Amino acid sequence: MVDGSDRAFRHFIHDALAVFTRLQAVRSQLGAVIGLSGTQYTVLIAVAHLSGEDRKIGVNQVAEHLHFSGAFATIEINKLVARGLVHKDADSEDRRRVILAVSPKGRTLLSELAAVQRPVNDMLFRGLSATDFRKMRKLMTGMVDAADEAAHLIENTLRGRQRALWDREAS
């Protein structure tokens, strides 16, 4: 509340929702440039960036990085594997574990996309200095965690209300 009003808060929320909606649209459009859905594009980029850090990555690392469930990440990764954009190989140290890597075909698509992606990203973030970007990134990480906690709070509240309703109907 600012001066007894939540007007500034509501304005912030509505602007944030507008930005996130537009980011989703841009993500879908960037995916479409290379024949993928927005989610598939995001997963392919995540595999490329995470495996580019010279480390073995699996489905769980991709899911955690993107804040997806493991099951959802598996489904999307399998779509990329089926299209020949990602390779799945058994880990030589732990045969139960699958290691992901972007295939040469996937790397070619990402290279082709870069010519479109760079100016789009530059435009999206043109209002942020490097310092602003670092601050925003840190704030967003905290907001993701807070949003998860808020969703759990709502779920618990709804469960409590359902139980109370069932108890009233049962009596």
N, C-alpha and C. Protein backbone atom coordinates (compact mmCIF):
# COMPACT_ATOMS: atom_id res chain seq x y z
N MET A 1 0.84 -1.19 0.00
CA MET A 1 0.00 0.00 0.00
C MET A 1 0.88 1.24 0.00
N VAL A 2 0.56 2.17 -0.84
CA VAL A 2 1.24 3.46 -0.89
C VAL A 2 0.18 4.51 -0.61
N ASP A 3 0.39 5.24 0.47
CA ASP A 3 -0.58 6.28 0.87
C ASP A 3 -2.00 5.70 0.98
N GLY A 4 -2.11 4.48 1.52
CA GLY A 4 -3.41 3.86 1.74
C GLY A 4 -4.06 3.29 0.49
N SER A 5 -3.34 3.23 -0.63
CA SER A 5 -3.91 2.73 -1.87
C SER A 5 -3.04 1.62 -2.46
N ASP A 6 -3.70 0.66 -3.09
CA ASP A 6 -2.95 -0.40 -3.77
C ASP A 6 -2.87 -0.14 -5.27
N ARG A 7 -3.17 1.08 -5.69
CA ARG A 7 -3.16 1.43 -7.11
C ARG A 7 -1.80 1.15 -7.76
N ALA A 8 -0.71 1.54 -7.14
CA ALA A 8 0.63 1.33 -7.71
C ALA A 8 0.93 -0.17 -7.82
N PHE A 9 0.52 -0.94 -6.81
CA PHE A 9 0.73 -2.39 -6.84
C PHE A 9 -0.04 -3.01 -8.01
N ARG A 10 -1.29 -2.64 -8.15
CA ARG A 10 -2.11 -3.19 -9.24
C ARG A 10 -1.54 -2.80 -10.60
N HIS A 11 -1.06 -1.58 -10.71
CA HIS A 11 -0.45 -1.12 -11.97
C HIS A 11 0.78 -1.97 -12.28
N PHE A 12 1.59 -2.22 -11.28
CA PHE A 12 2.78 -3.07 -11.44
C PHE A 12 2.38 -4.47 -11.90
N ILE A 13 1.40 -5.07 -11.24
CA ILE A 13 0.95 -6.43 -11.59
C ILE A 13 0.44 -6.47 -13.02
N HIS A 14 -0.35 -5.49 -13.40
CA HIS A 14 -0.90 -5.48 -14.76
C HIS A 14 0.20 -5.30 -15.80
N ASP A 15 1.17 -4.44 -15.51
CA ASP A 15 2.32 -4.28 -16.42
C ASP A 15 3.13 -5.58 -16.49
N ALA A 16 3.35 -6.22 -15.35
CA ALA A 16 4.11 -7.47 -15.33
C ALA A 16 3.39 -8.54 -16.15
N LEU A 17 2.08 -8.66 -15.98
CA LEU A 17 1.32 -9.63 -16.76
C LEU A 17 1.41 -9.32 -18.26
N ALA A 18 1.36 -8.05 -18.61
CA ALA A 18 1.48 -7.67 -20.02
C ALA A 18 2.86 -8.04 -20.57
N VAL A 19 3.91 -7.78 -19.81
CA VAL A 19 5.27 -8.13 -20.24
C VAL A 19 5.40 -9.64 -20.40
N PHE A 20 4.93 -10.41 -19.42
CA PHE A 20 5.08 -11.86 -19.46
C PHE A 20 4.28 -12.45 -20.61
N THR A 21 3.09 -11.91 -20.88
CA THR A 21 2.29 -12.37 -22.01
C THR A 21 3.02 -12.12 -23.32
N ARG A 22 3.63 -10.94 -23.43
CA ARG A 22 4.37 -10.62 -24.64
C ARG A 22 5.64 -11.47 -24.77
N LEU A 23 6.30 -11.75 -23.64
CA LEU A 23 7.48 -12.63 -23.68
C LEU A 23 7.09 -14.03 -24.16
N GLN A 24 5.94 -14.50 -23.73
CA GLN A 24 5.46 -15.81 -24.20
C GLN A 24 5.22 -15.78 -25.70
N ALA A 25 4.63 -14.69 -26.19
CA ALA A 25 4.38 -14.56 -27.63
C ALA A 25 5.69 -14.51 -28.41
N VAL A 26 6.66 -13.75 -27.92
CA VAL A 26 7.96 -13.67 -28.58
C VAL A 26 8.63 -15.04 -28.59
N ARG A 27 8.54 -15.74 -27.48
CA ARG A 27 9.12 -17.09 -27.40
C ARG A 27 8.49 -17.99 -28.44
N SER A 28 7.18 -17.93 -28.57
CA SER A 28 6.50 -18.76 -29.57
C SER A 28 6.91 -18.36 -30.98
N GLN A 29 7.05 -17.06 -31.22
CA GLN A 29 7.45 -16.60 -32.55
C GLN A 29 8.89 -17.02 -32.87
N LEU A 30 9.79 -16.93 -31.90
CA LEU A 30 11.16 -17.36 -32.13
C LEU A 30 11.19 -18.86 -32.42
N GLY A 31 10.41 -19.63 -31.69
CA GLY A 31 10.32 -21.07 -31.96
C GLY A 31 9.81 -21.33 -33.37
N ALA A 32 8.80 -20.56 -33.77
CA ALA A 32 8.21 -20.75 -35.11
C ALA A 32 9.22 -20.49 -36.22
N VAL A 33 10.16 -19.57 -35.98
CA VAL A 33 11.19 -19.27 -36.99
C VAL A 33 11.96 -20.54 -37.36
N ILE A 34 12.14 -21.44 -36.39
CA ILE A 34 12.89 -22.68 -36.65
C ILE A 34 11.99 -23.92 -36.60
N GLY A 35 10.68 -23.69 -36.70
CA GLY A 35 9.74 -24.80 -36.79
C GLY A 35 9.44 -25.52 -35.49
N LEU A 36 9.61 -24.82 -34.37
CA LEU A 36 9.34 -25.42 -33.06
C LEU A 36 8.27 -24.64 -32.33
N SER A 37 7.67 -25.28 -31.34
CA SER A 37 6.78 -24.54 -30.43
C SER A 37 7.65 -23.67 -29.53
N GLY A 38 7.03 -22.73 -28.86
CA GLY A 38 7.78 -21.88 -27.93
C GLY A 38 8.45 -22.69 -26.84
N THR A 39 7.75 -23.69 -26.33
CA THR A 39 8.31 -24.53 -25.27
C THR A 39 9.49 -25.35 -25.79
N GLN A 40 9.34 -25.93 -26.97
CA GLN A 40 10.44 -26.72 -27.55
C GLN A 40 11.66 -25.84 -27.79
N TYR A 41 11.43 -24.64 -28.28
CA TYR A 41 12.53 -23.69 -28.49
C TYR A 41 13.25 -23.41 -27.16
N THR A 42 12.48 -23.17 -26.12
CA THR A 42 13.05 -22.87 -24.80
C THR A 42 13.86 -24.05 -24.28
N VAL A 43 13.35 -25.26 -24.45
CA VAL A 43 14.07 -26.45 -23.98
C VAL A 43 15.35 -26.63 -24.79
N LEU A 44 15.28 -26.45 -26.10
CA LEU A 44 16.48 -26.60 -26.94
C LEU A 44 17.55 -25.59 -26.54
N ILE A 45 17.16 -24.34 -26.32
CA ILE A 45 18.11 -23.31 -25.89
C ILE A 45 18.71 -23.69 -24.53
N ALA A 46 17.86 -24.19 -23.62
CA ALA A 46 18.35 -24.56 -22.28
C ALA A 46 19.37 -25.70 -22.38
N VAL A 47 19.08 -26.71 -23.19
CA VAL A 47 20.03 -27.82 -23.35
C VAL A 47 21.33 -27.29 -23.92
N ALA A 48 21.24 -26.42 -24.92
CA ALA A 48 22.46 -25.86 -25.54
C ALA A 48 23.29 -25.07 -24.53
N HIS A 49 22.64 -24.22 -23.76
CA HIS A 49 23.38 -23.38 -22.80
C HIS A 49 23.92 -24.20 -21.63
N LEU A 50 23.11 -25.08 -21.09
CA LEU A 50 23.56 -25.87 -19.94
C LEU A 50 24.67 -26.84 -20.31
N SER A 51 24.54 -27.50 -21.46
CA SER A 51 25.59 -28.44 -21.87
C SER A 51 26.81 -27.70 -22.39
N GLY A 52 26.64 -26.44 -22.75
CA GLY A 52 27.76 -25.63 -23.21
C GLY A 52 28.71 -25.25 -22.10
N GLU A 53 28.32 -25.51 -20.88
CA GLU A 53 29.17 -25.21 -19.73
C GLU A 53 30.09 -26.39 -19.42
N ASP A 54 30.33 -27.25 -20.42
CA ASP A 54 31.21 -28.42 -20.29
C ASP A 54 30.84 -29.29 -19.09
N ARG A 55 29.57 -29.54 -18.95
CA ARG A 55 29.14 -30.45 -17.91
C ARG A 55 28.07 -31.37 -18.47
N LYS A 56 27.93 -32.50 -17.85
CA LYS A 56 26.90 -33.45 -18.26
C LYS A 56 25.56 -32.97 -17.72
N ILE A 57 24.59 -32.88 -18.60
CA ILE A 57 23.27 -32.48 -18.12
C ILE A 57 22.25 -33.54 -18.50
N GLY A 58 21.29 -33.67 -17.63
CA GLY A 58 20.19 -34.60 -17.85
C GLY A 58 18.87 -33.87 -17.78
N VAL A 59 17.82 -34.64 -17.86
CA VAL A 59 16.46 -34.09 -17.84
C VAL A 59 16.23 -33.26 -16.57
N ASN A 60 16.68 -33.77 -15.43
CA ASN A 60 16.42 -33.06 -14.17
C ASN A 60 17.05 -31.67 -14.15
N GLN A 61 18.25 -31.52 -14.70
CA GLN A 61 18.89 -30.20 -14.72
C GLN A 61 18.12 -29.24 -15.62
N VAL A 62 17.63 -29.74 -16.75
CA VAL A 62 16.84 -28.89 -17.66
C VAL A 62 15.53 -28.50 -16.98
N ALA A 63 14.86 -29.47 -16.36
CA ALA A 63 13.59 -29.19 -15.68
C ALA A 63 13.79 -28.16 -14.58
N GLU A 64 14.82 -28.34 -13.77
CA GLU A 64 15.09 -27.40 -12.68
C GLU A 64 15.40 -26.00 -13.21
N HIS A 65 16.22 -25.94 -14.24
CA HIS A 65 16.61 -24.65 -14.82
C HIS A 65 15.39 -23.88 -15.35
N LEU A 66 14.46 -24.61 -15.97
CA LEU A 66 13.28 -23.98 -16.58
C LEU A 66 12.07 -23.94 -15.65
N HIS A 67 12.21 -24.48 -14.45
CA HIS A 67 11.11 -24.53 -13.48
C HIS A 67 9.94 -25.35 -14.05
N PHE A 68 10.28 -26.47 -14.71
CA PHE A 68 9.30 -27.41 -15.25
C PHE A 68 9.31 -28.65 -14.35
N SER A 69 8.24 -29.42 -14.44
CA SER A 69 8.26 -30.73 -13.79
C SER A 69 9.16 -31.64 -14.61
N GLY A 70 9.70 -32.66 -13.97
CA GLY A 70 10.53 -33.62 -14.69
C GLY A 70 9.76 -34.32 -15.80
N ALA A 71 8.50 -34.65 -15.52
CA ALA A 71 7.67 -35.34 -16.52
C ALA A 71 7.45 -34.45 -17.75
N PHE A 72 7.16 -33.18 -17.52
CA PHE A 72 6.92 -32.26 -18.64
C PHE A 72 8.20 -32.07 -19.45
N ALA A 73 9.32 -31.89 -18.77
CA ALA A 73 10.60 -31.73 -19.46
C ALA A 73 10.91 -32.97 -20.30
N THR A 74 10.65 -34.14 -19.76
CA THR A 74 10.89 -35.39 -20.50
C THR A 74 10.08 -35.43 -21.79
N ILE A 75 8.82 -35.06 -21.71
CA ILE A 75 7.94 -35.06 -22.90
C ILE A 75 8.51 -34.12 -23.96
N GLU A 76 8.87 -32.92 -23.55
CA GLU A 76 9.37 -31.94 -24.52
C GLU A 76 10.74 -32.34 -25.09
N ILE A 77 11.59 -32.89 -24.24
CA ILE A 77 12.90 -33.35 -24.72
C ILE A 77 12.72 -34.50 -25.71
N ASN A 78 11.80 -35.39 -25.43
CA ASN A 78 11.56 -36.50 -26.35
C ASN A 78 11.09 -36.02 -27.72
N LYS A 79 10.34 -34.94 -27.76
CA LYS A 79 9.91 -34.36 -29.05
C LYS A 79 11.13 -33.85 -29.82
N LEU A 80 12.07 -33.24 -29.11
CA LEU A 80 13.29 -32.75 -29.75
C LEU A 80 14.18 -33.90 -30.20
N VAL A 81 14.23 -34.97 -29.43
CA VAL A 81 14.99 -36.17 -29.81
C VAL A 81 14.38 -36.76 -31.09
N ALA A 82 13.06 -36.85 -31.13
CA ALA A 82 12.38 -37.43 -32.30
C ALA A 82 12.66 -36.62 -33.57
N ARG A 83 12.87 -35.33 -33.42
CA ARG A 83 13.17 -34.46 -34.58
C ARG A 83 14.66 -34.41 -34.89
N GLY A 84 15.46 -35.12 -34.10
CA GLY A 84 16.90 -35.16 -34.35
C GLY A 84 17.64 -33.91 -33.91
N LEU A 85 17.05 -33.15 -32.99
CA LEU A 85 17.66 -31.90 -32.53
C LEU A 85 18.44 -32.06 -31.24
N VAL A 86 18.13 -33.10 -30.49
CA VAL A 86 18.81 -33.40 -29.24
C VAL A 86 19.15 -34.88 -29.23
N HIS A 87 20.33 -35.21 -28.72
CA HIS A 87 20.74 -36.60 -28.52
C HIS A 87 20.62 -36.95 -27.05
N LYS A 88 20.19 -38.19 -26.81
CA LYS A 88 20.17 -38.76 -25.46
C LYS A 88 21.15 -39.91 -25.46
N ASP A 89 22.11 -39.87 -24.56
CA ASP A 89 23.07 -40.96 -24.45
C ASP A 89 23.16 -41.40 -23.00
N ALA A 90 23.41 -42.67 -22.80
CA ALA A 90 23.59 -43.18 -21.44
C ALA A 90 24.90 -42.63 -20.88
N ASP A 91 24.85 -42.25 -19.62
CA ASP A 91 26.05 -41.76 -18.93
C ASP A 91 27.01 -42.93 -18.74
N SER A 92 28.26 -42.74 -19.14
CA SER A 92 29.25 -43.81 -19.02
C SER A 92 29.56 -44.15 -17.56
N GLU A 93 29.35 -43.21 -16.65
CA GLU A 93 29.62 -43.45 -15.23
C GLU A 93 28.42 -44.01 -14.49
N ASP A 94 27.20 -43.69 -14.97
CA ASP A 94 25.97 -44.16 -14.34
C ASP A 94 24.99 -44.50 -15.46
N ARG A 95 24.94 -45.76 -15.84
CA ARG A 95 24.14 -46.19 -17.00
C ARG A 95 22.65 -45.90 -16.84
N ARG A 96 22.21 -45.64 -15.62
CA ARG A 96 20.79 -45.32 -15.42
C ARG A 96 20.47 -43.89 -15.83
N ARG A 97 21.48 -43.07 -15.91
CA ARG A 97 21.31 -41.64 -16.19
C ARG A 97 21.46 -41.37 -17.68
N VAL A 98 20.65 -40.44 -18.19
CA VAL A 98 20.70 -40.03 -19.59
C VAL A 98 21.36 -38.66 -19.68
N ILE A 99 22.30 -38.54 -20.61
CA ILE A 99 22.98 -37.27 -20.85
C ILE A 99 22.42 -36.66 -22.13
N LEU A 100 22.13 -35.37 -22.08
CA LEU A 100 21.56 -34.66 -23.22
C LEU A 100 22.60 -33.80 -23.90
N ALA A 101 22.47 -33.70 -25.22
CA ALA A 101 23.33 -32.80 -25.99
C ALA A 101 22.57 -32.36 -27.23
N VAL A 102 22.80 -31.14 -27.64
CA VAL A 102 22.20 -30.65 -28.88
C VAL A 102 22.94 -31.30 -30.04
N SER A 103 22.18 -31.81 -31.00
CA SER A 103 22.77 -32.46 -32.17
C SER A 103 23.31 -31.40 -33.14
N PRO A 104 24.11 -31.80 -34.11
CA PRO A 104 24.56 -30.84 -35.13
C PRO A 104 23.37 -30.17 -35.84
N LYS A 105 22.32 -30.93 -36.11
CA LYS A 105 21.12 -30.35 -36.74
C LYS A 105 20.51 -29.27 -35.84
N GLY A 106 20.45 -29.54 -34.54
CA GLY A 106 19.93 -28.57 -33.59
C GLY A 106 20.81 -27.33 -33.52
N ARG A 107 22.11 -27.52 -33.52
CA ARG A 107 23.05 -26.38 -33.49
C ARG A 107 22.91 -25.52 -34.74
N THR A 108 22.69 -26.15 -35.87
CA THR A 108 22.50 -25.41 -37.12
C THR A 108 21.25 -24.53 -37.02
N LEU A 109 20.16 -25.10 -36.52
CA LEU A 109 18.93 -24.32 -36.35
C LEU A 109 19.15 -23.13 -35.42
N LEU A 110 19.83 -23.37 -34.31
CA LEU A 110 20.08 -22.29 -33.36
C LEU A 110 20.98 -21.21 -33.97
N SER A 111 21.94 -21.62 -34.79
CA SER A 111 22.80 -20.64 -35.47
C SER A 111 21.99 -19.79 -36.44
N GLU A 112 21.09 -20.43 -37.17
CA GLU A 112 20.22 -19.70 -38.10
C GLU A 112 19.31 -18.73 -37.36
N LEU A 113 18.85 -19.14 -36.20
CA LEU A 113 17.94 -18.31 -35.41
C LEU A 113 18.64 -17.09 -34.82
N ALA A 114 19.92 -17.19 -34.56
CA ALA A 114 20.66 -16.11 -33.89
C ALA A 114 20.50 -14.77 -34.59
N ALA A 115 20.42 -14.77 -35.91
CA ALA A 115 20.27 -13.51 -36.65
C ALA A 115 18.95 -12.81 -36.33
N VAL A 116 17.94 -13.57 -35.99
CA VAL A 116 16.64 -13.00 -35.60
C VAL A 116 16.62 -12.74 -34.09
N GLN A 117 17.16 -13.68 -33.33
CA GLN A 117 17.08 -13.65 -31.88
C GLN A 117 17.83 -12.47 -31.27
N ARG A 118 19.01 -12.18 -31.75
CA ARG A 118 19.82 -11.11 -31.15
C ARG A 118 19.11 -9.76 -31.19
N PRO A 119 18.64 -9.30 -32.36
CA PRO A 119 17.96 -8.00 -32.37
C PRO A 119 16.66 -7.98 -31.55
N VAL A 120 15.98 -9.12 -31.51
CA VAL A 120 14.75 -9.21 -30.71
C VAL A 120 15.10 -9.05 -29.23
N ASN A 121 16.11 -9.79 -28.77
CA ASN A 121 16.53 -9.67 -27.37
C ASN A 121 17.03 -8.26 -27.06
N ASP A 122 17.79 -7.67 -27.98
CA ASP A 122 18.27 -6.30 -27.77
C ASP A 122 17.10 -5.35 -27.60
N MET A 123 16.06 -5.52 -28.41
CA MET A 123 14.90 -4.65 -28.31
C MET A 123 14.13 -4.89 -27.01
N LEU A 124 13.96 -6.16 -26.66
CA LEU A 124 13.23 -6.49 -25.44
C LEU A 124 13.85 -5.86 -24.20
N PHE A 125 15.18 -5.85 -24.17
CA PHE A 125 15.88 -5.41 -22.95
C PHE A 125 16.61 -4.08 -23.12
N ARG A 126 16.24 -3.32 -24.14
CA ARG A 126 16.92 -2.05 -24.42
C ARG A 126 16.81 -1.04 -23.28
N GLY A 127 15.80 -1.14 -22.47
CA GLY A 127 15.61 -0.20 -21.37
C GLY A 127 16.42 -0.52 -20.13
N LEU A 128 17.16 -1.62 -20.16
CA LEU A 128 17.93 -2.04 -18.98
C LEU A 128 19.42 -1.89 -19.22
N SER A 129 20.09 -1.24 -18.28
CA SER A 129 21.55 -1.22 -18.32
C SER A 129 22.04 -2.58 -17.83
N ALA A 130 23.33 -2.83 -17.94
CA ALA A 130 23.89 -4.10 -17.45
C ALA A 130 23.62 -4.24 -15.96
N THR A 131 23.74 -3.15 -15.22
CA THR A 131 23.47 -3.18 -13.78
C THR A 131 22.00 -3.46 -13.52
N ASP A 132 21.12 -2.79 -14.27
CA ASP A 132 19.68 -3.03 -14.13
C ASP A 132 19.35 -4.49 -14.41
N PHE A 133 19.98 -5.04 -15.46
CA PHE A 133 19.71 -6.42 -15.83
C PHE A 133 20.12 -7.38 -14.72
N ARG A 134 21.30 -7.17 -14.14
CA ARG A 134 21.75 -8.03 -13.04
C ARG A 134 20.76 -7.95 -11.87
N LYS A 135 20.32 -6.74 -11.54
CA LYS A 135 19.36 -6.58 -10.44
C LYS A 135 18.04 -7.27 -10.78
N MET A 136 17.57 -7.06 -12.01
CA MET A 136 16.29 -7.64 -12.43
C MET A 136 16.36 -9.17 -12.40
N ARG A 137 17.48 -9.70 -12.85
CA ARG A 137 17.65 -11.16 -12.84
C ARG A 137 17.57 -11.70 -11.41
N LYS A 138 18.24 -11.05 -10.49
CA LYS A 138 18.22 -11.48 -9.10
C LYS A 138 16.80 -11.35 -8.52
N LEU A 139 16.13 -10.25 -8.82
CA LEU A 139 14.76 -10.07 -8.35
C LEU A 139 13.82 -11.14 -8.91
N MET A 140 13.98 -11.44 -10.19
CA MET A 140 13.11 -12.45 -10.82
C MET A 140 13.28 -13.81 -10.18
N THR A 141 14.53 -14.17 -9.88
CA THR A 141 14.77 -15.46 -9.22
C THR A 141 14.00 -15.52 -7.89
N GLY A 142 14.08 -14.46 -7.12
CA GLY A 142 13.35 -14.40 -5.86
C GLY A 142 11.84 -14.42 -6.07
N MET A 143 11.38 -13.76 -7.14
CA MET A 143 9.95 -13.72 -7.41
C MET A 143 9.42 -15.09 -7.85
N VAL A 144 10.23 -15.86 -8.57
CA VAL A 144 9.82 -17.22 -8.95
C VAL A 144 9.60 -18.04 -7.69
N ASP A 145 10.55 -17.98 -6.77
CA ASP A 145 10.42 -18.72 -5.51
C ASP A 145 9.18 -18.26 -4.73
N ALA A 146 8.98 -16.96 -4.67
CA ALA A 146 7.81 -16.41 -3.95
C ALA A 146 6.51 -16.83 -4.63
N ALA A 147 6.50 -16.86 -5.96
CA ALA A 147 5.30 -17.27 -6.69
C ALA A 147 4.97 -18.73 -6.41
N ASP A 148 6.01 -19.58 -6.35
CA ASP A 148 5.78 -20.99 -6.00
C ASP A 148 5.17 -21.10 -4.61
N GLU A 149 5.71 -20.35 -3.66
CA GLU A 149 5.18 -20.37 -2.29
C GLU A 149 3.75 -19.85 -2.25
N ALA A 150 3.46 -18.81 -3.02
CA ALA A 150 2.11 -18.25 -3.07
C ALA A 150 1.13 -19.27 -3.64
N ALA A 151 1.55 -20.00 -4.68
CA ALA A 151 0.69 -21.02 -5.27
C ALA A 151 0.39 -22.12 -4.26
N HIS A 152 1.40 -22.52 -3.48
CA HIS A 152 1.18 -23.54 -2.44
C HIS A 152 0.23 -23.02 -1.36
N LEU A 153 0.37 -21.75 -1.01
CA LEU A 153 -0.52 -21.15 -0.02
C LEU A 153 -1.97 -21.19 -0.51
N ILE A 154 -2.18 -20.83 -1.76
CA ILE A 154 -3.54 -20.85 -2.33
C ILE A 154 -4.07 -22.28 -2.36
N GLU A 155 -3.23 -23.24 -2.79
CA GLU A 155 -3.65 -24.65 -2.82
C GLU A 155 -4.08 -25.12 -1.44
N ASN A 156 -3.30 -24.78 -0.43
CA ASN A 156 -3.64 -25.19 0.94
C ASN A 156 -4.92 -24.53 1.40
N THR A 157 -5.10 -23.27 1.06
CA THR A 157 -6.33 -22.56 1.42
C THR A 157 -7.54 -23.21 0.76
N LEU A 158 -7.40 -23.54 -0.52
CA LEU A 158 -8.51 -24.18 -1.23
C LEU A 158 -8.81 -25.55 -0.66
N ARG A 159 -7.77 -26.33 -0.34
CA ARG A 159 -7.99 -27.64 0.27
C ARG A 159 -8.72 -27.50 1.60
N GLY A 160 -8.33 -26.51 2.40
CA GLY A 160 -9.00 -26.28 3.68
C GLY A 160 -10.46 -25.92 3.49
N ARG A 161 -10.75 -25.11 2.51
CA ARG A 161 -12.14 -24.72 2.24
C ARG A 161 -12.95 -25.91 1.74
N GLN A 162 -12.32 -26.74 0.88
CA GLN A 162 -13.04 -27.93 0.40
C GLN A 162 -13.35 -28.87 1.56
N ARG A 163 -12.37 -29.06 2.46
CA ARG A 163 -12.61 -29.93 3.62
C ARG A 163 -13.75 -29.38 4.47
N ALA A 164 -13.74 -28.08 4.70
CA ALA A 164 -14.80 -27.46 5.52
C ALA A 164 -16.16 -27.64 4.85
N LEU A 165 -16.20 -27.51 3.52
CA LEU A 165 -17.45 -27.69 2.78
C LEU A 165 -17.92 -29.14 2.88
N TRP A 166 -17.00 -30.09 2.73
CA TRP A 166 -17.35 -31.51 2.85
C TRP A 166 -17.84 -31.83 4.25
N ASP A 167 -17.18 -31.25 5.25
CA ASP A 167 -17.60 -31.49 6.64
C ASP A 167 -19.00 -30.96 6.87
N ARG A 168 -19.30 -29.77 6.32
CA ARG A 168 -20.64 -29.20 6.48
C ARG A 168 -21.69 -30.07 5.78
N GLU A 169 -21.35 -30.57 4.58
CA GLU A 169 -22.30 -31.40 3.83
C GLU A 169 -22.49 -32.75 4.50
N ALA A 170 -21.44 -33.26 5.14
CA ALA A 170 -21.52 -34.56 5.80
C ALA A 170 -22.35 -34.50 7.08
N SER A 171 -22.43 -33.32 7.70
CA SER A 171 -23.14 -33.24 8.97
C SER A 171 -24.58 -32.86 8.81
